[in-house]
Amino acid sequence: MDAVKMLHALIPPHALDAVRRAFERHAVLGMTIVEVRGPGTDGHRSVHRGAVVTDGLVPCLRIESIVHDDVVDRVVDEVTAAVRAEGRLWVVPLDLVTRVRTGERGADAV
């Protein structure tokens, strides 16, 4: 079984197109994108009872994708170059991936 990793990226929303292009260049086509809020220098501002409140959190996107081990470093390098803004990337090894519909396992399930 070929090794695969889970790539997590926390990026600003304006960087999504650049990140998707970086993924596509390495045939990483499947991804989950979730709108979240994370720590940032500006923070989210709202008005509560006439007072401006800043919670220290900014809108961002969390992207999760399963990446083949042989390209994960190149994908991380390209995403880092594409974003060039505040963000985080982390990679987690996966012990087992199974495609429920077909029963395929490992890299074949990606």
N, C-alpha and C. Protein backbone atom coordinates (compact mmCIF):
# COMPACT_ATOMS: atom_id res chain seq x y z
N MET A 1 0.84 -1.18 0.00
CA MET A 1 0.00 0.00 0.00
C MET A 1 0.89 1.24 0.00
N ASP A 2 0.66 2.14 -0.96
CA ASP A 2 1.40 3.40 -0.99
C ASP A 2 0.95 4.27 0.17
N ALA A 3 1.88 5.04 0.73
CA ALA A 3 1.56 5.90 1.87
C ALA A 3 0.83 7.15 1.40
N VAL A 4 -0.12 7.58 2.21
CA VAL A 4 -0.83 8.82 1.96
C VAL A 4 -0.83 9.64 3.24
N LYS A 5 -1.00 10.94 3.08
CA LYS A 5 -1.02 11.86 4.21
C LYS A 5 -2.26 12.74 4.11
N MET A 6 -2.70 13.25 5.25
CA MET A 6 -3.78 14.23 5.29
C MET A 6 -3.13 15.60 5.40
N LEU A 7 -3.40 16.44 4.41
CA LEU A 7 -2.88 17.81 4.41
C LEU A 7 -3.99 18.73 4.87
N HIS A 8 -3.70 19.52 5.90
CA HIS A 8 -4.62 20.52 6.41
C HIS A 8 -4.02 21.90 6.12
N ALA A 9 -4.83 22.80 5.62
CA ALA A 9 -4.37 24.16 5.36
C ALA A 9 -5.38 25.13 5.94
N LEU A 10 -4.91 26.12 6.66
CA LEU A 10 -5.74 27.20 7.18
C LEU A 10 -5.27 28.45 6.46
N ILE A 11 -6.12 28.99 5.56
CA ILE A 11 -5.69 30.07 4.66
C ILE A 11 -6.71 31.20 4.65
N PRO A 12 -6.29 32.40 4.22
CA PRO A 12 -7.26 33.48 4.02
C PRO A 12 -8.13 33.16 2.80
N PRO A 13 -9.40 33.58 2.82
CA PRO A 13 -10.32 33.25 1.72
C PRO A 13 -9.82 33.68 0.33
N HIS A 14 -9.14 34.80 0.23
CA HIS A 14 -8.69 35.28 -1.08
C HIS A 14 -7.64 34.37 -1.71
N ALA A 15 -7.05 33.46 -0.94
CA ALA A 15 -5.99 32.58 -1.45
C ALA A 15 -6.53 31.26 -2.00
N LEU A 16 -7.84 31.04 -1.94
CA LEU A 16 -8.40 29.75 -2.32
C LEU A 16 -8.07 29.36 -3.76
N ASP A 17 -8.24 30.25 -4.71
CA ASP A 17 -7.98 29.90 -6.12
C ASP A 17 -6.52 29.49 -6.33
N ALA A 18 -5.60 30.20 -5.72
CA ALA A 18 -4.18 29.86 -5.87
C ALA A 18 -3.87 28.50 -5.26
N VAL A 19 -4.49 28.20 -4.13
CA VAL A 19 -4.26 26.91 -3.48
C VAL A 19 -4.86 25.78 -4.32
N ARG A 20 -6.04 25.99 -4.86
CA ARG A 20 -6.66 24.96 -5.71
C ARG A 20 -5.80 24.69 -6.94
N ARG A 21 -5.25 25.72 -7.55
CA ARG A 21 -4.37 25.53 -8.71
C ARG A 21 -3.12 24.74 -8.32
N ALA A 22 -2.56 25.04 -7.16
CA ALA A 22 -1.38 24.29 -6.69
C ALA A 22 -1.72 22.82 -6.48
N PHE A 23 -2.90 22.54 -5.91
CA PHE A 23 -3.33 21.16 -5.73
C PHE A 23 -3.49 20.47 -7.08
N GLU A 24 -4.15 21.14 -8.02
CA GLU A 24 -4.43 20.54 -9.33
C GLU A 24 -3.15 20.21 -10.10
N ARG A 25 -2.10 21.03 -9.93
CA ARG A 25 -0.84 20.76 -10.62
C ARG A 25 -0.23 19.42 -10.20
N HIS A 26 -0.60 18.94 -9.04
CA HIS A 26 -0.07 17.66 -8.54
C HIS A 26 -1.15 16.59 -8.48
N ALA A 27 -2.21 16.78 -9.26
CA ALA A 27 -3.32 15.81 -9.35
C ALA A 27 -4.00 15.57 -8.02
N VAL A 28 -3.99 16.57 -7.14
CA VAL A 28 -4.75 16.50 -5.90
C VAL A 28 -6.08 17.16 -6.20
N LEU A 29 -7.10 16.36 -6.47
CA LEU A 29 -8.37 16.91 -6.96
C LEU A 29 -9.45 16.93 -5.90
N GLY A 30 -9.40 16.04 -4.94
CA GLY A 30 -10.42 16.00 -3.91
C GLY A 30 -10.01 16.81 -2.70
N MET A 31 -10.92 17.61 -2.20
CA MET A 31 -10.64 18.40 -1.00
C MET A 31 -11.94 18.78 -0.33
N THR A 32 -11.85 19.03 0.96
CA THR A 32 -12.97 19.54 1.73
C THR A 32 -12.61 20.95 2.15
N ILE A 33 -13.52 21.90 1.93
CA ILE A 33 -13.27 23.29 2.27
C ILE A 33 -14.34 23.74 3.26
N VAL A 34 -13.90 24.28 4.39
CA VAL A 34 -14.81 24.69 5.45
C VAL A 34 -14.50 26.14 5.82
N GLU A 35 -15.54 26.97 5.93
CA GLU A 35 -15.35 28.34 6.40
C GLU A 35 -15.24 28.31 7.92
N VAL A 36 -14.14 28.88 8.44
CA VAL A 36 -13.90 28.91 9.88
C VAL A 36 -13.40 30.29 10.27
N ARG A 37 -13.20 30.50 11.55
CA ARG A 37 -12.55 31.73 12.03
C ARG A 37 -11.37 31.31 12.88
N GLY A 38 -10.26 32.00 12.69
CA GLY A 38 -9.05 31.67 13.42
C GLY A 38 -8.36 32.93 13.91
N PRO A 39 -7.30 32.75 14.69
CA PRO A 39 -6.60 33.91 15.23
C PRO A 39 -5.96 34.74 14.13
N GLY A 40 -5.98 36.04 14.31
CA GLY A 40 -5.39 36.94 13.33
C GLY A 40 -5.11 38.29 13.95
N THR A 41 -4.46 39.14 13.21
CA THR A 41 -4.07 40.44 13.76
C THR A 41 -5.23 41.44 13.75
N ASP A 42 -6.18 41.29 12.83
CA ASP A 42 -7.29 42.25 12.75
C ASP A 42 -8.44 41.86 13.66
N GLY A 43 -8.86 40.63 13.61
CA GLY A 43 -9.99 40.19 14.40
C GLY A 43 -11.31 40.60 13.79
N HIS A 44 -12.37 39.98 14.24
CA HIS A 44 -13.73 40.26 13.77
C HIS A 44 -14.31 41.35 14.65
N ARG A 45 -14.85 42.38 14.02
CA ARG A 45 -15.44 43.50 14.77
C ARG A 45 -16.95 43.45 14.65
N SER A 46 -17.62 43.65 15.76
CA SER A 46 -19.07 43.74 15.76
C SER A 46 -19.48 44.81 16.77
N VAL A 47 -20.72 45.23 16.67
CA VAL A 47 -21.23 46.24 17.60
C VAL A 47 -22.21 45.55 18.54
N HIS A 48 -21.95 45.68 19.83
CA HIS A 48 -22.82 45.09 20.85
C HIS A 48 -23.21 46.19 21.83
N ARG A 49 -24.51 46.52 21.87
CA ARG A 49 -25.03 47.59 22.73
C ARG A 49 -24.27 48.89 22.55
N GLY A 50 -23.98 49.19 21.29
CA GLY A 50 -23.33 50.45 20.95
C GLY A 50 -21.82 50.45 21.06
N ALA A 51 -21.25 49.38 21.57
CA ALA A 51 -19.79 49.31 21.72
C ALA A 51 -19.21 48.39 20.63
N VAL A 52 -18.08 48.79 20.08
CA VAL A 52 -17.40 47.96 19.09
C VAL A 52 -16.61 46.88 19.84
N VAL A 53 -16.85 45.63 19.46
CA VAL A 53 -16.20 44.50 20.12
C VAL A 53 -15.34 43.78 19.09
N THR A 54 -14.10 43.49 19.44
CA THR A 54 -13.21 42.73 18.57
C THR A 54 -12.88 41.42 19.27
N ASP A 55 -13.13 40.29 18.57
CA ASP A 55 -12.90 38.99 19.21
C ASP A 55 -11.55 38.38 18.88
N GLY A 56 -10.74 39.04 18.05
CA GLY A 56 -9.42 38.52 17.72
C GLY A 56 -9.43 37.38 16.71
N LEU A 57 -10.59 37.09 16.13
CA LEU A 57 -10.69 36.00 15.15
C LEU A 57 -11.03 36.57 13.78
N VAL A 58 -10.40 36.02 12.75
CA VAL A 58 -10.65 36.48 11.38
C VAL A 58 -11.21 35.33 10.55
N PRO A 59 -12.03 35.65 9.54
CA PRO A 59 -12.54 34.60 8.66
C PRO A 59 -11.40 33.95 7.89
N CYS A 60 -11.43 32.64 7.79
CA CYS A 60 -10.45 31.91 7.00
C CYS A 60 -11.07 30.60 6.51
N LEU A 61 -10.34 29.89 5.70
CA LEU A 61 -10.81 28.62 5.15
C LEU A 61 -9.91 27.50 5.65
N ARG A 62 -10.52 26.38 6.00
CA ARG A 62 -9.75 25.18 6.34
C ARG A 62 -9.93 24.20 5.19
N ILE A 63 -8.83 23.79 4.60
CA ILE A 63 -8.85 22.84 3.49
C ILE A 63 -8.23 21.54 3.98
N GLU A 64 -8.90 20.45 3.70
CA GLU A 64 -8.38 19.13 4.04
C GLU A 64 -8.34 18.30 2.77
N SER A 65 -7.23 17.61 2.56
CA SER A 65 -7.10 16.77 1.37
C SER A 65 -6.14 15.63 1.65
N ILE A 66 -6.42 14.49 1.06
CA ILE A 66 -5.52 13.35 1.16
C ILE A 66 -4.54 13.43 -0.01
N VAL A 67 -3.25 13.36 0.31
CA VAL A 67 -2.20 13.57 -0.68
C VAL A 67 -1.25 12.37 -0.65
N HIS A 68 -0.85 11.92 -1.83
CA HIS A 68 0.14 10.83 -1.90
C HIS A 68 1.46 11.30 -1.31
N ASP A 69 2.11 10.42 -0.57
CA ASP A 69 3.34 10.74 0.14
C ASP A 69 4.44 11.27 -0.78
N ASP A 70 4.51 10.78 -2.00
CA ASP A 70 5.59 11.18 -2.90
C ASP A 70 5.46 12.61 -3.42
N VAL A 71 4.31 13.25 -3.26
CA VAL A 71 4.15 14.64 -3.73
C VAL A 71 3.83 15.62 -2.61
N VAL A 72 3.68 15.14 -1.38
CA VAL A 72 3.21 16.02 -0.31
C VAL A 72 4.16 17.20 -0.08
N ASP A 73 5.48 16.99 -0.12
CA ASP A 73 6.41 18.09 0.09
C ASP A 73 6.29 19.15 -1.00
N ARG A 74 6.12 18.71 -2.24
CA ARG A 74 5.98 19.67 -3.35
C ARG A 74 4.67 20.45 -3.23
N VAL A 75 3.60 19.77 -2.81
CA VAL A 75 2.32 20.46 -2.63
C VAL A 75 2.44 21.51 -1.53
N VAL A 76 3.06 21.14 -0.41
CA VAL A 76 3.25 22.10 0.69
C VAL A 76 4.07 23.29 0.22
N ASP A 77 5.14 23.06 -0.52
CA ASP A 77 5.97 24.16 -1.03
C ASP A 77 5.17 25.08 -1.95
N GLU A 78 4.37 24.50 -2.84
CA GLU A 78 3.59 25.32 -3.78
C GLU A 78 2.49 26.10 -3.07
N VAL A 79 1.82 25.47 -2.11
CA VAL A 79 0.78 26.18 -1.37
C VAL A 79 1.40 27.32 -0.57
N THR A 80 2.53 27.07 0.06
CA THR A 80 3.22 28.12 0.82
C THR A 80 3.58 29.29 -0.09
N ALA A 81 4.10 29.00 -1.27
CA ALA A 81 4.46 30.06 -2.22
C ALA A 81 3.23 30.79 -2.74
N ALA A 82 2.13 30.07 -2.93
CA ALA A 82 0.91 30.67 -3.48
C ALA A 82 0.22 31.58 -2.48
N VAL A 83 0.22 31.20 -1.22
CA VAL A 83 -0.53 31.96 -0.22
C VAL A 83 0.24 33.20 0.20
N ARG A 84 1.48 33.06 0.60
CA ARG A 84 2.31 34.18 1.04
C ARG A 84 1.54 35.16 1.92
N ALA A 85 0.80 34.64 2.85
CA ALA A 85 0.05 35.46 3.79
C ALA A 85 -0.04 34.66 5.08
N GLU A 86 -0.80 35.17 6.01
CA GLU A 86 -0.98 34.40 7.24
C GLU A 86 -1.71 33.12 6.93
N GLY A 87 -1.28 32.06 7.51
CA GLY A 87 -1.91 30.78 7.30
C GLY A 87 -1.07 29.70 7.96
N ARG A 88 -1.61 28.51 7.98
CA ARG A 88 -0.90 27.37 8.56
C ARG A 88 -1.12 26.15 7.69
N LEU A 89 -0.12 25.31 7.62
CA LEU A 89 -0.22 24.01 6.94
C LEU A 89 0.28 22.96 7.92
N TRP A 90 -0.39 21.83 7.96
CA TRP A 90 0.15 20.72 8.72
C TRP A 90 -0.22 19.42 8.02
N VAL A 91 0.65 18.44 8.17
CA VAL A 91 0.51 17.16 7.48
C VAL A 91 0.47 16.06 8.54
N VAL A 92 -0.49 15.16 8.37
CA VAL A 92 -0.69 14.07 9.33
C VAL A 92 -0.64 12.75 8.58
N PRO A 93 0.14 11.77 9.07
CA PRO A 93 0.14 10.46 8.41
C PRO A 93 -1.20 9.76 8.61
N LEU A 94 -1.62 9.01 7.61
CA LEU A 94 -2.86 8.23 7.70
C LEU A 94 -2.52 6.75 7.70
N ASP A 95 -3.04 6.04 8.67
CA ASP A 95 -2.80 4.60 8.75
C ASP A 95 -3.62 3.83 7.74
N LEU A 96 -4.86 4.29 7.52
CA LEU A 96 -5.74 3.54 6.62
C LEU A 96 -6.76 4.49 6.00
N VAL A 97 -6.95 4.36 4.70
CA VAL A 97 -8.00 5.07 3.98
C VAL A 97 -8.80 4.01 3.25
N THR A 98 -10.13 4.06 3.39
CA THR A 98 -10.99 3.09 2.73
C THR A 98 -12.09 3.83 1.99
N ARG A 99 -12.29 3.48 0.71
CA ARG A 99 -13.43 4.01 -0.04
C ARG A 99 -14.61 3.10 0.28
N VAL A 100 -15.60 3.64 0.95
CA VAL A 100 -16.71 2.85 1.46
C VAL A 100 -17.47 2.13 0.34
N ARG A 101 -17.72 2.82 -0.75
CA ARG A 101 -18.53 2.25 -1.83
C ARG A 101 -17.89 1.01 -2.45
N THR A 102 -16.56 1.03 -2.65
CA THR A 102 -15.90 -0.07 -3.37
C THR A 102 -15.07 -0.98 -2.47
N GLY A 103 -14.76 -0.52 -1.27
CA GLY A 103 -13.90 -1.31 -0.39
C GLY A 103 -12.42 -1.14 -0.67
N GLU A 104 -12.06 -0.29 -1.66
CA GLU A 104 -10.65 -0.05 -1.95
C GLU A 104 -9.97 0.54 -0.72
N ARG A 105 -8.69 0.20 -0.56
CA ARG A 105 -7.93 0.69 0.59
C ARG A 105 -6.62 1.33 0.16
N GLY A 106 -6.10 2.18 1.03
CA GLY A 106 -4.81 2.82 0.78
C GLY A 106 -4.88 3.81 -0.36
N ALA A 107 -3.78 3.90 -1.10
CA ALA A 107 -3.69 4.88 -2.19
C ALA A 107 -4.74 4.65 -3.25
N ASP A 108 -5.21 3.41 -3.43
CA ASP A 108 -6.26 3.13 -4.42
C ASP A 108 -7.58 3.79 -4.03
N ALA A 109 -7.77 4.08 -2.76
CA ALA A 109 -9.01 4.68 -2.29
C ALA A 109 -9.02 6.19 -2.44
N VAL A 110 -7.89 6.76 -2.78
CA VAL A 110 -7.80 8.22 -2.88
C VAL A 110 -8.31 8.67 -4.23
